[in-house]
PDB file of N, CA and C in Angstrom:
ATOM      1  N   MET A   1      63.552 138.250 -15.704  1.00  0.00           N
ATOM      2  CA  MET A   1      64.559 137.204 -15.767  1.00  0.00           C
ATOM      3  C   MET A   1      65.656 137.442 -14.739  1.00  0.00           C
ATOM      4  N   SER A   2      65.293 137.561 -13.498  1.00  0.00           N
ATOM      5  CA  SER A   2      66.316 137.774 -12.479  1.00  0.00           C
ATOM      6  C   SER A   2      66.719 136.442 -11.882  1.00  0.00           C
ATOM      7  N   ASN A   3      67.964 136.351 -11.568  1.00  0.00           N
ATOM      8  CA  ASN A   3      68.496 135.147 -10.958  1.00  0.00           C
ATOM      9  C   ASN A   3      68.971 135.518  -9.566  1.00  0.00           C
ATOM     10  N   THR A   4      68.201 135.192  -8.545  1.00  0.00           N
ATOM     11  CA  THR A   4      68.533 135.587  -7.184  1.00  0.00           C
ATOM     12  C   THR A   4      69.726 134.825  -6.630  1.00  0.00           C
ATOM     13  N   ALA A   5      70.081 133.702  -7.250  1.00  0.00           N
ATOM     14  CA  ALA A   5      71.223 132.923  -6.779  1.00  0.00           C
ATOM     15  C   ALA A   5      72.541 133.471  -7.305  1.00  0.00           C
ATOM     16  N   GLN A   6      72.465 134.367  -8.254  1.00  0.00           N
ATOM     17  CA  GLN A   6      73.674 134.913  -8.866  1.00  0.00           C
ATOM     18  C   GLN A   6      74.271 135.995  -7.981  1.00  0.00           C
ATOM     19  N   ASN A   7      75.589 135.991  -7.831  1.00  0.00           N
ATOM     20  CA  ASN A   7      76.272 137.019  -7.052  1.00  0.00           C
ATOM     21  C   ASN A   7      76.185 138.351  -7.776  1.00  0.00           C
ATOM     22  N   PRO A   8      76.014 139.453  -7.030  1.00  0.00           N
ATOM     23  CA  PRO A   8      75.954 140.757  -7.685  1.00  0.00           C
ATOM     24  C   PRO A   8      77.299 141.128  -8.295  1.00  0.00           C
ATOM     25  N   LEU A   9      77.237 141.826  -9.405  1.00  0.00           N
ATOM     26  CA  LEU A   9      78.445 142.284 -10.086  1.00  0.00           C
ATOM     27  C   LEU A   9      79.003 143.484  -9.341  1.00  0.00           C
ATOM     28  N   ARG A  10      80.272 143.429  -8.974  1.00  0.00           N
ATOM     29  CA  ARG A  10      80.916 144.539  -8.272  1.00  0.00           C
ATOM     30  C   ARG A  10      82.045 145.054  -9.146  1.00  0.00           C
ATOM     31  N   LEU A  11      81.844 146.230  -9.697  1.00  0.00           N
ATOM     32  CA  LEU A  11      82.845 146.825 -10.563  1.00  0.00           C
ATOM     33  C   LEU A  11      83.772 147.711  -9.751  1.00  0.00           C
ATOM     34  N   HIS A  12      85.046 147.564  -9.978  1.00  0.00           N
ATOM     35  CA  HIS A  12      86.019 148.415  -9.317  1.00  0.00           C
ATOM     36  C   HIS A  12      86.189 149.692 -10.128  1.00  0.00           C
ATOM     37  N   PRO A  13      86.512 150.785  -9.455  1.00  0.00           N
ATOM     38  CA  PRO A  13      86.753 152.019 -10.218  1.00  0.00           C
ATOM     39  C   PRO A  13      87.988 151.853 -11.098  1.00  0.00           C
ATOM     40  N   ALA A  14      88.012 152.599 -12.170  1.00  0.00           N
ATOM     41  CA  ALA A  14      89.187 152.572 -13.040  1.00  0.00           C
ATOM     42  C   ALA A  14      90.389 153.065 -12.239  1.00  0.00           C
ATOM     43  N   PRO A  15      91.523 152.395 -12.381  1.00  0.00           N
ATOM     44  CA  PRO A  15      92.698 152.841 -11.625  1.00  0.00           C
ATOM     45  C   PRO A  15      93.222 154.174 -12.151  1.00  0.00           C
ATOM     46  N   GLU A  16      93.929 154.874 -11.289  1.00  0.00           N
ATOM     47  CA  GLU A  16      94.572 156.128 -11.696  1.00  0.00           C
ATOM     48  C   GLU A  16      95.626 155.783 -12.755  1.00  0.00           C
ATOM     49  N   SER A  17      95.691 156.592 -13.801  1.00  0.00           N
ATOM     50  CA  SER A  17      96.649 156.317 -14.874  1.00  0.00           C
ATOM     51  C   SER A  17      98.083 156.387 -14.359  1.00  0.00           C
ATOM     52  N   ALA A  18      98.347 157.238 -13.377  1.00  0.00           N
ATOM     53  CA  ALA A  18      99.696 157.335 -12.815  1.00  0.00           C
ATOM     54  C   ALA A  18     100.086 156.033 -12.107  1.00  0.00           C
ATOM     55  N   THR A  19      99.123 155.390 -11.444  1.00  0.00           N
ATOM     56  CA  THR A  19      99.409 154.125 -10.752  1.00  0.00           C
ATOM     57  C   THR A  19      99.756 153.050 -11.762  1.00  0.00           C
ATOM     58  N   VAL A  20      98.974 152.975 -12.835  1.00  0.00           N
ATOM     59  CA  VAL A  20      99.246 151.977 -13.878  1.00  0.00           C
ATOM     60  C   VAL A  20     100.617 152.226 -14.497  1.00  0.00           C
ATOM     61  N   GLU A  21     100.921 153.480 -14.770  1.00  0.00           N
ATOM     62  CA  GLU A  21     102.203 153.827 -15.387  1.00  0.00           C
ATOM     63  C   GLU A  21     103.385 153.440 -14.488  1.00  0.00           C
ATOM     64  N   LEU A  22     103.266 153.743 -13.207  1.00  0.00           N
ATOM     65  CA  LEU A  22     104.351 153.387 -12.280  1.00  0.00           C
ATOM     66  C   LEU A  22     104.514 151.873 -12.153  1.00  0.00           C
ATOM     67  N   LEU A  23     103.400 151.154 -12.121  1.00  0.00           N
ATOM     68  CA  LEU A  23     103.480 149.692 -12.068  1.00  0.00           C
ATOM     69  C   LEU A  23     104.141 149.138 -13.328  1.00  0.00           C
ATOM     70  N   TYR A  24     103.827 149.726 -14.478  1.00  0.00           N
ATOM     71  CA  TYR A  24     104.451 149.279 -15.715  1.00  0.00           C
ATOM     72  C   TYR A  24     105.967 149.503 -15.665  1.00  0.00           C
ATOM     73  N   ARG A  25     106.374 150.612 -15.089  1.00  0.00           N
ATOM     74  CA  ARG A  25     107.811 150.881 -14.962  1.00  0.00           C
ATOM     75  C   ARG A  25     108.474 149.870 -14.029  1.00  0.00           C
ATOM     76  N   ILE A  26     107.765 149.461 -12.989  1.00  0.00           N
ATOM     77  CA  ILE A  26     108.324 148.492 -12.034  1.00  0.00           C
ATOM     78  C   ILE A  26     108.390 147.102 -12.650  1.00  0.00           C
ATOM     79  N   PHE A  27     107.270 146.654 -13.254  1.00  0.00           N
ATOM     80  CA  PHE A  27     107.172 145.264 -13.692  1.00  0.00           C
ATOM     81  C   PHE A  27     107.432 145.062 -15.187  1.00  0.00           C
ATOM     82  N   GLY A  28     107.278 146.107 -16.014  1.00  0.00           N
ATOM     83  CA  GLY A  28     107.614 146.021 -17.422  1.00  0.00           C
ATOM     84  C   GLY A  28     106.655 145.238 -18.289  1.00  0.00           C
ATOM     85  N   ASP A  29     105.457 144.949 -17.792  1.00  0.00           N
ATOM     86  CA  ASP A  29     104.490 144.188 -18.583  1.00  0.00           C
ATOM     87  C   ASP A  29     103.100 144.440 -18.020  1.00  0.00           C
ATOM     88  N   VAL A  30     102.066 144.153 -18.828  1.00  0.00           N
ATOM     89  CA  VAL A  30     100.703 144.333 -18.329  1.00  0.00           C
ATOM     90  C   VAL A  30     100.237 143.138 -17.510  1.00  0.00           C
ATOM     91  N   LEU A  31     100.852 141.994 -17.727  1.00  0.00           N
ATOM     92  CA  LEU A  31     100.572 140.829 -16.896  1.00  0.00           C
ATOM     93  C   LEU A  31     101.741 140.651 -15.927  1.00  0.00           C
ATOM     94  N   ILE A  32     101.418 140.673 -14.648  1.00  0.00           N
ATOM     95  CA  ILE A  32     102.451 140.587 -13.617  1.00  0.00           C
ATOM     96  C   ILE A  32     102.365 139.209 -12.977  1.00  0.00           C
ATOM     97  N   PRO A  33     103.459 138.438 -12.995  1.00  0.00           N
ATOM     98  CA  PRO A  33     103.432 137.138 -12.328  1.00  0.00           C
ATOM     99  C   PRO A  33     102.989 137.302 -10.867  1.00  0.00           C
ATOM    100  N   LEU A  34     102.096 136.435 -10.442  1.00  0.00           N
ATOM    101  CA  LEU A  34     101.525 136.541  -9.100  1.00  0.00           C
ATOM    102  C   LEU A  34     102.608 136.530  -8.023  1.00  0.00           C
ATOM    103  N   GLU A  35     103.647 135.761  -8.234  1.00  0.00           N
ATOM    104  CA  GLU A  35     104.727 135.698  -7.247  1.00  0.00           C
ATOM    105  C   GLU A  35     105.425 137.053  -7.116  1.00  0.00           C
ATOM    106  N   LYS A  36     105.558 137.783  -8.219  1.00  0.00           N
ATOM    107  CA  LYS A  36     106.183 139.110  -8.145  1.00  0.00           C
ATOM    108  C   LYS A  36     105.298 140.099  -7.389  1.00  0.00           C
ATOM    109  N   VAL A  37     103.981 139.981  -7.574  1.00  0.00           N
ATOM    110  CA  VAL A  37     103.055 140.830  -6.816  1.00  0.00           C
ATOM    111  C   VAL A  37     103.219 140.539  -5.326  1.00  0.00           C
ATOM    112  N   ARG A  38     103.273 139.255  -4.980  1.00  0.00           N
ATOM    113  CA  ARG A  38     103.426 138.865  -3.574  1.00  0.00           C
ATOM    114  C   ARG A  38     104.743 139.394  -3.012  1.00  0.00           C
ATOM    115  N   GLU A  39     105.824 139.223  -3.759  1.00  0.00           N
ATOM    116  CA  GLU A  39     107.134 139.674  -3.273  1.00  0.00           C
ATOM    117  C   GLU A  39     107.188 141.184  -3.086  1.00  0.00           C
ATOM    118  N   GLN A  40     106.523 141.928  -3.974  1.00  0.00           N
ATOM    119  CA  GLN A  40     106.568 143.382  -3.925  1.00  0.00           C
ATOM    120  C   GLN A  40     105.653 143.958  -2.850  1.00  0.00           C
ATOM    121  N   TYR A  41     104.429 143.420  -2.736  1.00  0.00           N
ATOM    122  CA  TYR A  41     103.423 144.066  -1.905  1.00  0.00           C
ATOM    123  C   TYR A  41     102.906 143.236  -0.732  1.00  0.00           C
ATOM    124  N   PHE A  42     103.175 141.951  -0.724  1.00  0.00           N
ATOM    125  CA  PHE A  42     102.655 141.084   0.341  1.00  0.00           C
ATOM    126  C   PHE A  42     103.771 140.210   0.905  1.00  0.00           C
ATOM    127  N   ARG A  43     104.887 140.827   1.236  1.00  0.00           N
ATOM    128  CA  ARG A  43     106.044 140.081   1.761  1.00  0.00           C
ATOM    129  C   ARG A  43     105.730 139.338   3.049  1.00  0.00           C
ATOM    130  N   ASN A  44     104.737 139.819   3.781  1.00  0.00           N
ATOM    131  CA  ASN A  44     104.385 139.194   5.052  1.00  0.00           C
ATOM    132  C   ASN A  44     103.671 137.854   4.863  1.00  0.00           C
ATOM    133  N   LEU A  45     103.276 137.525   3.636  1.00  0.00           N
ATOM    134  CA  LEU A  45     102.571 136.271   3.365  1.00  0.00           C
ATOM    135  C   LEU A  45     103.466 135.331   2.561  1.00  0.00           C
ATOM    136  N   ASN A  46     103.449 134.054   2.939  1.00  0.00           N
ATOM    137  CA  ASN A  46     104.157 133.078   2.108  1.00  0.00           C
ATOM    138  C   ASN A  46     103.282 132.741   0.902  1.00  0.00           C
ATOM    139  N   GLU A  47     103.790 131.944  -0.026  1.00  0.00           N
ATOM    140  CA  GLU A  47     103.061 131.653  -1.260  1.00  0.00           C
ATOM    141  C   GLU A  47     101.680 131.074  -0.992  1.00  0.00           C
ATOM    142  N   GLN A  48     101.605 130.098  -0.102  1.00  0.00           N
ATOM    143  CA  GLN A  48     100.328 129.436   0.179  1.00  0.00           C
ATOM    144  C   GLN A  48      99.337 130.386   0.847  1.00  0.00           C
ATOM    145  N   SER A  49      99.815 131.175   1.803  1.00  0.00           N
ATOM    146  CA  SER A  49      98.934 132.124   2.490  1.00  0.00           C
ATOM    147  C   SER A  49      98.403 133.170   1.511  1.00  0.00           C
ATOM    148  N   PHE A  50      99.254 133.610   0.612  1.00  0.00           N
ATOM    149  CA  PHE A  50      98.858 134.606  -0.378  1.00  0.00           C
ATOM    150  C   PHE A  50      97.736 134.070  -1.256  1.00  0.00           C
ATOM    151  N   VAL A  51      97.889 132.860  -1.764  1.00  0.00           N
ATOM    152  CA  VAL A  51      96.863 132.248  -2.614  1.00  0.00           C
ATOM    153  C   VAL A  51      95.580 132.031  -1.812  1.00  0.00           C
ATOM    154  N   THR A  52      95.706 131.612  -0.568  1.00  0.00           N
ATOM    155  CA  THR A  52      94.541 131.412   0.292  1.00  0.00           C
ATOM    156  C   THR A  52      93.784 132.719   0.502  1.00  0.00           C
ATOM    157  N   GLU A  53      94.520 133.798   0.735  1.00  0.00           N
ATOM    158  CA  GLU A  53      93.894 135.113   0.947  1.00  0.00           C
ATOM    159  C   GLU A  53      93.171 135.592  -0.316  1.00  0.00           C
ATOM    160  N   ILE A  54      93.734 135.310  -1.480  1.00  0.00           N
ATOM    161  CA  ILE A  54      93.083 135.682  -2.739  1.00  0.00           C
ATOM    162  C   ILE A  54      91.828 134.833  -2.938  1.00  0.00           C
ATOM    163  N   ASN A  55      91.960 133.523  -2.740  1.00  0.00           N
ATOM    164  CA  ASN A  55      90.822 132.620  -2.941  1.00  0.00           C
ATOM    165  C   ASN A  55      89.684 132.904  -1.970  1.00  0.00           C
ATOM    166  N   SER A  56      89.994 133.355  -0.770  1.00  0.00           N
ATOM    167  CA  SER A  56      88.951 133.658   0.217  1.00  0.00           C
ATOM    168  C   SER A  56      88.284 135.006  -0.047  1.00  0.00           C
ATOM    169  N   GLY A  57      88.901 135.837  -0.886  1.00  0.00           N
ATOM    170  CA  GLY A  57      88.346 137.146  -1.182  1.00  0.00           C
ATOM    171  C   GLY A  57      88.874 138.250  -0.288  1.00  0.00           C
ATOM    172  N   ARG A  58      89.706 137.913   0.678  1.00  0.00           N
ATOM    173  CA  ARG A  58      90.273 138.942   1.555  1.00  0.00           C
ATOM    174  C   ARG A  58      91.151 139.905   0.751  1.00  0.00           C
ATOM    175  N   ILE A  59      91.954 139.343  -0.147  1.00  0.00           N
ATOM    176  CA  ILE A  59      92.701 140.154  -1.108  1.00  0.00           C
ATOM    177  C   ILE A  59      91.932 140.044  -2.417  1.00  0.00           C
ATOM    178  N   GLN A  60      91.324 141.139  -2.839  1.00  0.00           N
ATOM    179  CA  GLN A  60      90.486 141.107  -4.036  1.00  0.00           C
ATOM    180  C   GLN A  60      91.327 141.388  -5.267  1.00  0.00           C
ATOM    181  N   LEU A  61      91.892 140.304  -5.784  1.00  0.00           N
ATOM    182  CA  LEU A  61      92.773 140.399  -6.941  1.00  0.00           C
ATOM    183  C   LEU A  61      92.459 139.251  -7.891  1.00  0.00           C
ATOM    184  N   PRO A  62      91.825 139.550  -9.024  1.00  0.00           N
ATOM    185  CA  PRO A  62      91.541 138.483  -9.986  1.00  0.00           C
ATOM    186  C   PRO A  62      92.839 137.888 -10.537  1.00  0.00           C
ATOM    187  N   ILE A  63      92.831 136.588 -10.717  1.00  0.00           N
ATOM    188  CA  ILE A  63      93.991 135.871 -11.256  1.00  0.00           C
ATOM    189  C   ILE A  63      93.674 135.452 -12.679  1.00  0.00           C
ATOM    190  N   THR A  64      94.647 135.598 -13.561  1.00  0.00           N
ATOM    191  CA  THR A  64      94.466 135.178 -14.944  1.00  0.00           C
ATOM    192  C   THR A  64      95.628 134.263 -15.353  1.00  0.00           C
ATOM    193  N   THR A  65      95.356 133.434 -16.335  1.00  0.00           N
ATOM    194  CA  THR A  65      96.391 132.583 -16.924  1.00  0.00           C
ATOM    195  C   THR A  65      96.289 132.707 -18.438  1.00  0.00           C
ATOM    196  N   LEU A  66      97.317 132.282 -19.122  1.00  0.00           N
ATOM    197  CA  LEU A  66      97.297 132.296 -20.585  1.00  0.00           C
ATOM    198  C   LEU A  66      97.116 130.897 -21.154  1.00  0.00           C
ATOM    199  N   ASP A  67      96.865 129.946 -20.272  1.00  0.00           N
ATOM    200  CA  ASP A  67      96.744 128.556 -20.661  1.00  0.00           C
ATOM    201  C   ASP A  67      95.687 127.912 -19.773  1.00  0.00           C
ATOM    202  N   THR A  68      95.044 126.882 -20.254  1.00  0.00           N
ATOM    203  CA  THR A  68      94.023 126.204 -19.452  1.00  0.00           C
ATOM    204  C   THR A  68      94.608 125.112 -18.559  1.00  0.00           C
ATOM    205  N   SER A  69      95.887 124.876 -18.656  1.00  0.00           N
ATOM    206  CA  SER A  69      96.544 123.854 -17.846  1.00  0.00           C
ATOM    207  C   SER A  69      96.523 124.232 -16.371  1.00  0.00           C
ATOM    208  N   ARG A  70      96.426 123.227 -15.510  1.00  0.00           N
ATOM    209  CA  ARG A  70      96.483 123.481 -14.062  1.00  0.00           C
ATOM    210  C   ARG A  70      97.834 124.042 -13.654  1.00  0.00           C
ATOM    211  N   LYS A  71      98.856 123.725 -14.420  1.00  0.00           N
ATOM    212  CA  LYS A  71     100.211 124.182 -14.096  1.00  0.00           C
ATOM    213  C   LYS A  71     100.559 125.521 -14.756  1.00  0.00           C
ATOM    214  N   ALA A  72      99.593 126.122 -15.406  1.00  0.00           N
ATOM    215  CA  ALA A  72      99.838 127.398 -16.098  1.00  0.00           C
ATOM    216  C   ALA A  72     100.272 128.455 -15.093  1.00  0.00           C
ATOM    217  N   LEU A  73     101.176 129.316 -15.528  1.00  0.00           N
ATOM    218  CA  LEU A  73     101.607 130.413 -14.675  1.00  0.00           C
ATOM    219  C   LEU A  73     100.429 131.334 -14.396  1.00  0.00           C
ATOM    220  N   LYS A  74     100.382 131.848 -13.180  1.00  0.00           N
ATOM    221  CA  LYS A  74      99.296 132.728 -12.764  1.00  0.00           C
ATOM    222  C   LYS A  74      99.782 134.171 -12.765  1.00  0.00           C
ATOM    223  N   TYR A  75      98.912 135.040 -13.268  1.00  0.00           N
ATOM    224  CA  TYR A  75      99.241 136.451 -13.394  1.00  0.00           C
ATOM    225  C   TYR A  75      98.126 137.309 -12.786  1.00  0.00           C
ATOM    226  N   ALA A  76      98.491 138.552 -12.495  1.00  0.00           N
ATOM    227  CA  ALA A  76      97.518 139.587 -12.174  1.00  0.00           C
ATOM    228  C   ALA A  76      97.663 140.652 -13.249  1.00  0.00           C
ATOM    229  N   HIS A  77      96.544 141.129 -13.759  1.00  0.00           N
ATOM    230  CA  HIS A  77      96.599 142.190 -14.765  1.00  0.00           C
ATOM    231  C   HIS A  77      96.974 143.497 -14.077  1.00  0.00           C
ATOM    232  N   ILE A  78      97.752 144.297 -14.747  1.00  0.00           N
ATOM    233  CA  ILE A  78      98.254 145.548 -14.172  1.00  0.00           C
ATOM    234  C   ILE A  78      97.121 146.463 -13.693  1.00  0.00           C
ATOM    235  N   ARG A  79      95.987 146.474 -14.410  1.00  0.00           N
ATOM    236  CA  ARG A  79      94.845 147.309 -13.994  1.00  0.00           C
ATOM    237  C   ARG A  79      94.274 146.842 -12.661  1.00  0.00           C
ATOM    238  N   HIS A  80      94.241 145.527 -12.443  1.00  0.00           N
ATOM    239  CA  HIS A  80      93.704 144.998 -11.200  1.00  0.00           C
ATOM    240  C   HIS A  80      94.614 145.321 -10.015  1.00  0.00           C
ATOM    241  N   VAL A  81      95.908 145.220 -10.226  1.00  0.00           N
ATOM    242  CA  VAL A  81      96.863 145.567  -9.162  1.00  0.00           C
ATOM    243  C   VAL A  81      96.758 147.059  -8.852  1.00  0.00           C
ATOM    244  N   ALA A  82      96.682 147.872  -9.900  1.00  0.00           N
ATOM    245  CA  ALA A  82      96.565 149.321  -9.706  1.00  0.00           C
ATOM    246  C   ALA A  82      95.275 149.673  -8.973  1.00  0.00           C
ATOM    247  N   SER A  83      94.170 149.031  -9.332  1.00  0.00           N
ATOM    248  CA  SER A  83      92.894 149.287  -8.644  1.00  0.00           C
ATOM    249  C   SER A  83      92.977 148.906  -7.179  1.00  0.00           C
ATOM    250  N   LEU A  84      93.587 147.773  -6.893  1.00  0.00           N
ATOM    251  CA  LEU A  84      93.741 147.331  -5.506  1.00  0.00           C
ATOM    252  C   LEU A  84      94.529 148.369  -4.701  1.00  0.00           C
ATOM    253  N   ILE A  85      95.608 148.854  -5.258  1.00  0.00           N
ATOM    254  CA  ILE A  85      96.434 149.863  -4.578  1.00  0.00           C
ATOM    255  C   ILE A  85      95.640 151.153  -4.382  1.00  0.00           C
ATOM    256  N   ASP A  86      94.965 151.615  -5.431  1.00  0.00           N
ATOM    257  CA  ASP A  86      94.209 152.865  -5.341  1.00  0.00           C
ATOM    258  C   ASP A  86      93.059 152.762  -4.342  1.00  0.00           C
ATOM    259  N   ILE A  87      92.324 151.660  -4.366  1.00  0.00           N
ATOM    260  CA  ILE A  87      91.208 151.478  -3.436  1.00  0.00           C
ATOM    261  C   ILE A  87      91.699 151.505  -1.996  1.00  0.00           C
ATOM    262  N   ARG A  88      92.800 150.815  -1.731  1.00  0.00           N
ATOM    263  CA  ARG A  88      93.339 150.799  -0.367  1.00  0.00           C
ATOM    264  C   ARG A  88      93.807 152.199   0.041  1.00  0.00           C
ATOM    265  N   ALA A  89      94.347 152.943  -0.900  1.00  0.00           N
ATOM    266  CA  ALA A  89      94.776 154.318  -0.602  1.00  0.00           C
ATOM    267  C   ALA A  89      93.571 155.200  -0.287  1.00  0.00           C
ATOM    268  N   TYR A  90      92.483 155.056  -1.051  1.00  0.00           N
ATOM    269  CA  TYR A  90      91.278 155.837  -0.787  1.00  0.00           C
ATOM    270  C   TYR A  90      90.704 155.498   0.586  1.00  0.00           C
ATOM    271  N   LYS A  91      90.693 154.220   0.918  1.00  0.00           N
ATOM    272  CA  LYS A  91      90.174 153.803   2.230  1.00  0.00           C
ATOM    273  C   LYS A  91      91.045 154.348   3.361  1.00  0.00           C
ATOM    274  N   ALA A  92      92.341 154.392   3.149  1.00  0.00           N
ATOM    275  CA  ALA A  92      93.244 154.963   4.154  1.00  0.00           C
ATOM    276  C   ALA A  92      92.970 156.451   4.330  1.00  0.00           C
ATOM    277  N   ASP A  93      92.714 157.160   3.226  1.00  0.00           N
ATOM    278  CA  ASP A  93      92.367 158.587   3.304  1.00  0.00           C
ATOM    279  C   ASP A  93      91.103 158.788   4.128  1.00  0.00           C
ATOM    280  N   GLU A  94      90.080 157.990   3.851  1.00  0.00           N
ATOM    281  CA  GLU A  94      88.818 158.110   4.575  1.00  0.00           C
ATOM    282  C   GLU A  94      88.998 157.802   6.055  1.00  0.00           C
ATOM    283  N   SER A  95      89.770 156.774   6.344  1.00  0.00           N
ATOM    284  CA  SER A  95      90.011 156.396   7.731  1.00  0.00           C
ATOM    285  C   SER A  95      90.725 157.510   8.490  1.00  0.00           C
ATOM    286  N   MET A  96      91.714 158.104   7.872  1.00  0.00           N
ATOM    287  CA  MET A  96      92.447 159.188   8.511  1.00  0.00           C
ATOM    288  C   MET A  96      91.534 160.392   8.755  1.00  0.00           C
ATOM    289  N   GLN A  97      90.692 160.699   7.789  1.00  0.00           N
ATOM    290  CA  GLN A  97      89.776 161.825   7.944  1.00  0.00           C
ATOM    291  C   GLN A  97      88.787 161.576   9.087  1.00  0.00           C
ATOM    292  N   ARG A  98      88.300 160.349   9.209  1.00  0.00           N
ATOM    293  CA  ARG A  98      87.390 160.018  10.308  1.00  0.00           C
ATOM    294  C   ARG A  98      88.096 160.152  11.648  1.00  0.00           C
ATOM    295  N   GLN A  99      89.339 159.687  11.728  1.00  0.00           N
ATOM    296  CA  GLN A  99      90.103 159.764  12.970  1.00  0.00           C
ATOM    297  C   GLN A  99      90.372 161.209  13.365  1.00  0.00           C
ATOM    298  N   GLN A 100      90.548 162.063  12.391  1.00  0.00           N
ATOM    299  CA  GLN A 100      90.833 163.465  12.666  1.00  0.00           C
ATOM    300  C   GLN A 100      89.562 164.298  12.779  1.00  0.00           C
ATOM    301  N   GLY A 101      88.412 163.650  12.562  1.00  0.00           N
ATOM    302  CA  GLY A 101      87.144 164.345  12.691  1.00  0.00           C
ATOM    303  C   GLY A 101      86.834 165.304  11.567  1.00  0.00           C
ATOM    304  N   GLU A 102      87.529 165.168  10.447  1.00  0.00           N
ATOM    305  CA  GLU A 102      87.286 166.037   9.296  1.00  0.00           C
ATOM    306  C   GLU A 102      86.151 165.458   8.463  1.00  0.00           C
ATOM    307  N   PRO A 103      85.397 166.317   7.776  1.00  0.00           N
ATOM    308  CA  PRO A 103      84.342 165.800   6.897  1.00  0.00           C
ATOM    309  C   PRO A 103      84.966 165.051   5.723  1.00  0.00           C
ATOM    310  N   ILE A 104      84.333 163.972   5.340  1.00  0.00           N
ATOM    311  CA  ILE A 104      84.810 163.180   4.202  1.00  0.00           C
ATOM    312  C   ILE A 104      84.234 163.790   2.936  1.00  0.00           C
ATOM    313  N   HIS A 105      85.062 163.936   1.909  1.00  0.00           N
ATOM    314  CA  HIS A 105      84.637 164.570   0.667  1.00  0.00           C
ATOM    315  C   HIS A 105      83.541 163.754  -0.010  1.00  0.00           C
ATOM    316  N   VAL A 106      82.436 164.395  -0.279  1.00  0.00           N
ATOM    317  CA  VAL A 106      81.280 163.746  -0.884  1.00  0.00           C
ATOM    318  C   VAL A 106      81.615 163.248  -2.276  1.00  0.00           C
ATOM    319  N   GLU A 107      82.407 163.998  -3.042  1.00  0.00           N
ATOM    320  CA  GLU A 107      82.716 163.613  -4.416  1.00  0.00           C
ATOM    321  C   GLU A 107      83.409 162.254  -4.460  1.00  0.00           C
ATOM    322  N   ALA A 108      84.330 162.002  -3.551  1.00  0.00           N
ATOM    323  CA  ALA A 108      85.046 160.722  -3.534  1.00  0.00           C
ATOM    324  C   ALA A 108      84.087 159.588  -3.228  1.00  0.00           C
ATOM    325  N   ASN A 109      83.170 159.805  -2.290  1.00  0.00           N
ATOM    326  CA  ASN A 109      82.206 158.764  -1.952  1.00  0.00           C
ATOM    327  C   ASN A 109      81.239 158.506  -3.098  1.00  0.00           C
ATOM    328  N   LEU A 110      80.786 159.580  -3.777  1.00  0.00           N
ATOM    329  CA  LEU A 110      79.886 159.401  -4.900  1.00  0.00           C
ATOM    330  C   LEU A 110      80.549 158.628  -6.025  1.00  0.00           C
ATOM    331  N   GLU A 111      81.818 158.935  -6.312  1.00  0.00           N
ATOM    332  CA  GLU A 111      82.545 158.234  -7.360  1.00  0.00           C
ATOM    333  C   GLU A 111      82.688 156.762  -7.013  1.00  0.00           C
ATOM    334  N   ARG A 112      83.013 156.479  -5.753  1.00  0.00           N
ATOM    335  CA  ARG A 112      83.175 155.100  -5.311  1.00  0.00           C
ATOM    336  C   ARG A 112      81.843 154.366  -5.390  1.00  0.00           C
ATOM    337  N   ASP A 113      80.759 154.989  -4.915  1.00  0.00           N
ATOM    338  CA  ASP A 113      79.454 154.354  -4.919  1.00  0.00           C
ATOM    339  C   ASP A 113      78.938 154.135  -6.336  1.00  0.00           C
ATOM    340  N   LYS A 114      79.293 155.023  -7.244  1.00  0.00           N
ATOM    341  CA  LYS A 114      78.887 154.890  -8.633  1.00  0.00           C
ATOM    342  C   LYS A 114      79.433 153.597  -9.230  1.00  0.00           C
ATOM    343  N   HIS A 115      80.601 153.196  -8.754  1.00  0.00           N
ATOM    344  CA  HIS A 115      81.248 151.984  -9.271  1.00  0.00           C
ATOM    345  C   HIS A 115      80.902 150.752  -8.453  1.00  0.00           C
ATOM    346  N   GLY A 116      80.065 150.893  -7.440  1.00  0.00           N
ATOM    347  CA  GLY A 116      79.602 149.721  -6.693  1.00  0.00           C
ATOM    348  C   GLY A 116      80.506 149.283  -5.577  1.00  0.00           C
ATOM    349  N   ASN A 117      81.394 150.117  -5.099  1.00  0.00           N
ATOM    350  CA  ASN A 117      82.296 149.735  -4.018  1.00  0.00           C
ATOM    351  C   ASN A 117      81.832 150.382  -2.733  1.00  0.00           C
ATOM    352  N   SER A 118      82.122 149.719  -1.628  1.00  0.00           N
ATOM    353  CA  SER A 118      81.788 150.307  -0.328  1.00  0.00           C
ATOM    354  C   SER A 118      82.969 150.311   0.584  1.00  0.00           C
TER     355      SER A 118
END
């Protein structure tokens, strides 16, 4: 019963608990208004550009609402924001190691691959 038209499931690694904790201290809730995420971490993008980048998949951040209305406020869950930050940090570590010619730690790559990320 395989469906070849279905997109593959890509699971993100669990965020570091310290990242989630720090985000909670900054935002004070598990649901962070999307505009606050943009103001804090994507100041270079205006509201429309930010939404476009999310919708295109360039910024991989799931959006949630608490209402089915089109005008419902949009939020990002704290775990998703933390995962986005952690993933980008891991990629920066790998990039720096490649630039410096150092071997990349196998354990980090195995953990990432286990969760389906590349």
